[in-house]
């Protein structure tokens, strides 16, 4: 009886070994993906009141997790009901993305969620503002200013969701949406930070929102099973 048990065990072990050999494990590519935000780049050409550029990137740490970030600058003129101002500044965001998409073979497509910590340094120039004037037929006068507010900064947290799909070999098109929450906001006296580079408008208090469309290129560095 013992002899038959050993024989059966040997057959089972041999079968499992062959089954594992027949299951081919494809190595995953790891590397750096860098690109540009097409939305900000294109807007700089058709909107005379805006100039901006954002460089995006991510680096694959594990099968699911990526280090990700954005670096950019914005120059935007806002023509509000009461005043006209120009904001100029740079920003940097860093965080992570988690890829929930199960790729086939050596593909690196993504359906992801993530977080960022963002910081921005910027300045405002008050171009003009309106004041009430009872002697004016329209009830107000436009006053040219040119006053500058320098040395401003802000920081925030950002929740990100998006996707990236391979168009051609190593070339990816992506889109993401972002919900922001201000952590700090250094404002000048008698003037609010109504626009923060990298964060967007702040008319709704501490919350903001944004999006980007990206075109990026993947640089493979190594493979790992």
Protein backbone atom coordinates (compact mmCIF):
# COMPACT_ATOMS: atom_id res chain seq x y z
CA UNK A 1 0.00 0.00 0.00
CA UNK A 2 2.81 2.36 0.91
CA UNK A 3 4.42 1.61 -2.42
CA UNK A 4 1.31 2.73 -4.31
CA UNK A 5 1.07 5.94 -2.26
CA UNK A 6 4.67 6.88 -3.11
CA UNK A 7 4.05 6.09 -6.78
CA UNK A 8 0.91 8.25 -6.85
CA UNK A 9 2.67 11.12 -5.09
CA UNK A 10 5.50 10.99 -7.60
CA UNK A 11 3.04 11.13 -10.50
CA UNK A 12 1.24 14.17 -9.00
CA UNK A 13 4.50 16.03 -8.42
CA UNK A 14 5.68 15.28 -11.96
CA UNK A 15 2.36 16.49 -13.40
CA UNK A 16 2.46 19.78 -11.45
CA UNK A 17 6.03 20.37 -12.53
CA UNK A 18 5.14 19.93 -16.18
CA UNK A 19 2.09 22.20 -15.76
CA UNK A 20 4.30 24.95 -14.32
CA UNK A 21 6.79 24.54 -17.14
CA UNK A 22 3.99 24.94 -19.70
CA UNK A 23 2.83 28.23 -18.14
CA UNK A 24 5.02 30.85 -19.73
CA UNK A 25 5.71 33.95 -17.62
CA UNK A 26 6.37 37.03 -19.72
CA UNK A 27 8.80 39.61 -18.29
CA UNK A 28 7.43 43.09 -17.54
CA UNK A 29 9.22 46.20 -18.80
CA UNK A 30 10.29 48.85 -16.31
CA UNK A 31 11.41 52.35 -17.22
CA UNK A 32 10.74 56.07 -17.51
CA UNK A 33 7.87 57.70 -19.41
CA UNK A 34 8.19 61.43 -20.22
CA UNK A 35 5.92 63.73 -22.17
CA UNK A 36 4.07 67.01 -22.46
CA UNK A 37 0.58 68.29 -21.67
CA UNK A 38 -1.08 68.96 -25.03
CA UNK A 39 -3.84 71.09 -23.50
CA UNK A 40 -1.54 73.78 -22.09
CA UNK A 41 0.72 73.65 -25.14
CA UNK A 42 -2.12 74.13 -27.64
CA UNK A 43 -3.88 76.76 -25.51
CA UNK A 44 -0.74 78.90 -25.73
CA UNK A 45 -1.34 79.22 -29.49
CA UNK A 46 -5.07 80.02 -29.62
CA UNK A 47 -5.55 82.00 -26.37
CA UNK A 48 -3.81 85.39 -26.39
CA UNK A 49 -4.22 85.68 -22.59
CA UNK A 50 -2.43 82.43 -21.79
CA UNK A 51 1.02 80.86 -22.12
CA UNK A 52 1.93 77.61 -20.44
CA UNK A 53 3.93 74.40 -20.63
CA UNK A 54 3.80 71.25 -18.51
CA UNK A 55 6.27 68.35 -18.61
CA UNK A 56 4.90 65.05 -17.25
CA UNK A 57 6.66 61.87 -16.22
CA UNK A 58 6.34 58.58 -14.39
CA UNK A 59 8.70 55.79 -13.38
CA UNK A 60 7.52 52.23 -12.77
CA UNK A 61 8.50 50.98 -9.31
CA UNK A 62 6.50 47.74 -9.08
CA UNK A 63 3.98 45.88 -11.20
CA UNK A 64 1.24 48.30 -10.12
CA UNK A 65 2.85 51.39 -8.59
CA UNK A 66 4.51 54.32 -10.38
CA UNK A 67 6.27 57.43 -9.10
CA UNK A 68 4.75 60.32 -11.04
CA UNK A 69 5.05 64.08 -11.29
CA UNK A 70 4.57 67.24 -13.32
CA UNK A 71 6.69 70.37 -13.78
CA UNK A 72 5.29 73.45 -15.46
CA UNK A 73 4.87 77.19 -15.77
CA UNK A 74 1.87 79.38 -16.54
CA UNK A 75 1.36 83.02 -17.58
CA UNK A 76 -2.33 83.89 -17.50
CA UNK A 77 -4.28 87.16 -17.73
CA UNK A 78 -7.72 87.15 -16.07
CA UNK A 79 -10.29 89.77 -17.09
CA UNK A 80 -12.77 89.77 -14.20
CA UNK A 81 -15.89 91.89 -13.68
CA UNK A 82 -14.04 94.24 -11.31
CA UNK A 83 -10.38 93.98 -12.29
CA UNK A 84 -7.84 92.68 -14.80
CA UNK A 85 -4.69 90.93 -13.57
CA UNK A 86 -1.83 88.75 -14.84
CA UNK A 87 -0.36 85.81 -12.92
CA UNK A 88 3.04 84.31 -13.72
CA UNK A 89 4.69 81.39 -11.97
CA UNK A 90 6.05 77.85 -11.89
CA UNK A 91 4.87 74.71 -10.14
CA UNK A 92 5.97 71.18 -9.30
CA UNK A 93 3.90 68.13 -8.36
CA UNK A 94 5.11 64.74 -7.13
CA UNK A 95 3.28 61.62 -5.99
CA UNK A 96 2.26 58.17 -7.15
CA UNK A 97 -0.12 56.35 -9.52
CA UNK A 98 -1.69 52.92 -9.02
CA UNK A 99 -2.46 51.04 -12.24
CA UNK A 100 -5.67 48.98 -11.99
CA UNK A 101 -5.45 47.72 -15.58
CA UNK A 102 -4.26 44.16 -16.31
CA UNK A 103 -2.01 44.34 -19.35
CA UNK A 104 -1.29 41.58 -21.85
CA UNK A 105 2.28 40.48 -22.49
CA UNK A 106 4.65 43.49 -22.50
CA UNK A 107 2.08 46.31 -22.74
CA UNK A 108 2.12 49.26 -20.29
CA UNK A 109 -1.38 50.73 -20.71
CA UNK A 110 -2.88 52.29 -17.60
CA UNK A 111 -6.22 52.97 -15.95
CA UNK A 112 -5.02 54.57 -12.77
CA UNK A 113 -5.70 56.56 -9.63
CA UNK A 114 -3.14 58.48 -7.63
CA UNK A 115 -2.20 61.45 -5.49
CA UNK A 116 0.12 64.45 -5.81
CA UNK A 117 1.62 67.05 -3.53
CA UNK A 118 1.96 70.34 -5.41
CA UNK A 119 3.84 73.57 -4.75
CA UNK A 120 3.76 76.80 -6.73
CA UNK A 121 5.74 80.05 -6.70
CA UNK A 122 4.21 83.02 -8.53
CA UNK A 123 3.44 86.74 -8.79
CA UNK A 124 0.47 88.93 -9.73
CA UNK A 125 0.34 92.17 -11.69
CA UNK A 126 -2.83 94.22 -11.24
CA UNK A 127 -3.33 95.70 -14.71
CA UNK A 128 -6.53 97.67 -14.06
CA UNK A 129 -9.57 97.82 -11.80
CA UNK A 130 -13.00 99.45 -11.76
CA UNK A 131 -14.26 101.92 -9.16
CA UNK A 132 -17.71 103.40 -8.64
CA UNK A 133 -18.07 106.94 -9.96
CA UNK A 134 -21.49 108.63 -9.58
CA UNK A 135 -20.51 111.32 -12.10
CA UNK A 136 -19.90 108.72 -14.81
CA UNK A 137 -22.87 107.75 -17.01
CA UNK A 138 -21.93 104.07 -16.65
CA UNK A 139 -21.42 104.41 -12.90
CA UNK A 140 -17.75 103.32 -12.88
CA UNK A 141 -14.28 104.21 -14.07
CA UNK A 142 -11.47 101.92 -15.17
CA UNK A 143 -8.21 102.74 -13.38
CA UNK A 144 -4.87 101.56 -14.77
CA UNK A 145 -2.61 100.19 -12.06
CA UNK A 146 0.46 98.09 -12.84
CA UNK A 147 0.94 97.24 -9.14
CA UNK A 148 2.92 94.03 -8.61
CA UNK A 149 2.64 91.42 -5.87
CA UNK A 150 5.75 89.21 -5.72
CA UNK A 151 7.04 86.35 -3.59
CA UNK A 152 3.74 84.45 -3.41
CA UNK A 153 3.42 80.69 -2.96
CA UNK A 154 0.89 77.93 -2.34
CA UNK A 155 0.80 74.18 -1.72
CA UNK A 156 -1.95 71.62 -2.17
CA UNK A 157 -2.95 67.97 -2.34
CA UNK A 158 -4.30 66.51 -5.56
CA UNK A 159 -6.37 63.40 -6.24
CA UNK A 160 -5.79 62.09 -9.78
CA UNK A 161 -7.64 59.67 -12.03
CA UNK A 162 -6.86 58.89 -15.66
CA UNK A 163 -5.72 56.54 -18.39
CA UNK A 164 -2.80 56.09 -20.76
CA UNK A 165 -2.98 54.04 -23.95
CA UNK A 166 -0.22 53.09 -26.39
CA UNK A 167 -0.75 54.63 -29.84
CA UNK A 168 2.46 53.42 -31.46
CA UNK A 169 5.56 51.63 -30.24
CA UNK A 170 6.40 53.28 -26.87
CA UNK A 171 4.22 56.36 -27.64
CA UNK A 172 1.29 56.96 -25.28
CA UNK A 173 -1.74 59.25 -25.28
CA UNK A 174 -3.20 60.05 -21.87
CA UNK A 175 -5.92 62.02 -20.13
CA UNK A 176 -6.42 62.77 -16.43
CA UNK A 177 -8.73 64.74 -14.16
CA UNK A 178 -7.65 66.31 -10.87
CA UNK A 179 -9.38 67.47 -7.69
CA UNK A 180 -7.29 69.83 -5.57
CA UNK A 181 -7.33 71.00 -1.95
CA UNK A 182 -5.23 73.95 -0.78
CA UNK A 183 -2.93 73.34 2.18
CA UNK A 184 -1.23 76.74 2.29
CA UNK A 185 -1.77 79.98 0.40
CA UNK A 186 0.39 83.08 0.89
CA UNK A 187 -1.68 86.05 -0.28
CA UNK A 188 -0.73 89.74 -0.67
CA UNK A 189 -2.53 92.46 1.24
CA UNK A 190 -5.74 93.74 -0.37
CA UNK A 191 -5.56 91.18 -3.18
CA UNK A 192 -6.49 87.48 -3.29
CA UNK A 193 -4.81 84.63 -5.15
CA UNK A 194 -7.68 84.08 -7.57
CA UNK A 195 -5.48 82.04 -9.90
CA UNK A 196 -2.55 79.81 -8.84
CA UNK A 197 -0.28 78.22 -11.49
CA UNK A 198 -0.72 74.46 -11.41
CA UNK A 199 -3.77 74.67 -9.15
CA UNK A 200 -6.16 76.72 -11.33
CA UNK A 201 -8.84 79.15 -10.16
CA UNK A 202 -9.61 79.50 -6.46
CA UNK A 203 -13.02 81.20 -6.54
CA UNK A 204 -14.54 78.21 -4.69
CA UNK A 205 -12.29 78.60 -1.65
CA UNK A 206 -9.79 75.82 -0.91
CA UNK A 207 -11.00 73.48 -3.66
CA UNK A 208 -9.99 73.44 -7.31
CA UNK A 209 -10.08 71.18 -10.33
CA UNK A 210 -8.12 70.61 -13.50
CA UNK A 211 -7.26 68.18 -16.28
CA UNK A 212 -4.60 67.45 -18.88
CA UNK A 213 -4.10 65.61 -22.17
CA UNK A 214 -0.64 64.13 -22.53
CA UNK A 215 1.56 62.70 -25.23
CA UNK A 216 4.50 60.76 -23.80
CA UNK A 217 7.29 58.39 -24.75
CA UNK A 218 8.31 55.30 -22.76
CA UNK A 219 12.03 54.63 -22.29
CA UNK A 220 12.49 50.96 -21.24
CA UNK A 221 15.38 50.39 -18.85
CA UNK A 222 15.10 46.74 -17.78
CA UNK A 223 12.74 43.76 -17.65
CA UNK A 224 11.61 41.76 -14.66
CA UNK A 225 9.31 38.75 -14.25
